Amino acid sequence: MNWGTGELGNWKDFIEVMLRK
């Protein structure tokens, strides 16, 4: 798995969605 800025962006979005469940 490559952790690039794009990957981190998706990760942050995913985390925000989970936190705003």
N, C-alpha and C. Protein backbone atom coordinates (compact mmCIF):
# COMPACT_ATOMS: atom_id res chain seq x y z
N MET A 1 0.85 -1.21 0.00
CA MET A 1 0.00 0.00 0.00
C MET A 1 0.88 1.25 0.00
N ASN A 2 0.60 2.15 -0.91
CA ASN A 2 1.39 3.39 -0.97
C ASN A 2 0.64 4.51 -0.23
N TRP A 3 1.30 5.10 0.74
CA TRP A 3 0.65 6.18 1.50
C TRP A 3 1.04 7.53 0.93
N GLY A 4 0.33 7.98 -0.11
CA GLY A 4 0.65 9.28 -0.71
C GLY A 4 -0.35 10.34 -0.25
N THR A 5 -0.22 11.54 -0.74
CA THR A 5 -1.14 12.60 -0.34
C THR A 5 -2.57 12.22 -0.72
N GLY A 6 -2.75 11.62 -1.88
CA GLY A 6 -4.09 11.21 -2.32
C GLY A 6 -4.64 10.16 -1.37
N GLU A 7 -3.82 9.18 -1.02
CA GLU A 7 -4.27 8.12 -0.10
C GLU A 7 -4.66 8.75 1.23
N LEU A 8 -3.82 9.65 1.73
CA LEU A 8 -4.11 10.28 3.02
C LEU A 8 -5.40 11.08 2.94
N GLY A 9 -5.63 11.71 1.77
CA GLY A 9 -6.86 12.49 1.60
C GLY A 9 -8.08 11.59 1.75
N ASN A 10 -8.03 10.42 1.10
CA ASN A 10 -9.15 9.47 1.19
C ASN A 10 -9.29 8.98 2.62
N TRP A 11 -8.16 8.75 3.28
CA TRP A 11 -8.17 8.25 4.66
C TRP A 11 -8.84 9.27 5.58
N LYS A 12 -8.45 10.54 5.41
CA LYS A 12 -9.04 11.60 6.24
C LYS A 12 -10.54 11.68 5.99
N ASP A 13 -10.94 11.60 4.72
CA ASP A 13 -12.38 11.68 4.39
C ASP A 13 -13.10 10.53 5.05
N PHE A 14 -12.51 9.33 4.97
CA PHE A 14 -13.13 8.14 5.56
C PHE A 14 -13.28 8.32 7.06
N ILE A 15 -12.24 8.82 7.70
CA ILE A 15 -12.27 9.02 9.16
C ILE A 15 -13.34 10.05 9.52
N GLU A 16 -13.39 11.14 8.76
CA GLU A 16 -14.39 12.18 9.06
C GLU A 16 -15.79 11.62 8.95
N VAL A 17 -16.03 10.82 7.91
CA VAL A 17 -17.37 10.22 7.72
C VAL A 17 -17.69 9.31 8.90
N MET A 18 -16.70 8.53 9.33
CA MET A 18 -16.94 7.60 10.45
C MET A 18 -17.22 8.39 11.73
N LEU A 19 -16.48 9.47 11.94
CA LEU A 19 -16.68 10.28 13.15
C LEU A 19 -18.02 10.99 13.10
N ARG A 20 -18.46 11.33 11.87
CA ARG A 20 -19.74 12.03 11.74
C ARG A 20 -20.86 11.04 11.48
N LYS A 21 -20.73 9.84 12.00
CA LYS A 21 -21.73 8.81 11.74
C LYS A 21 -23.04 9.21 12.42
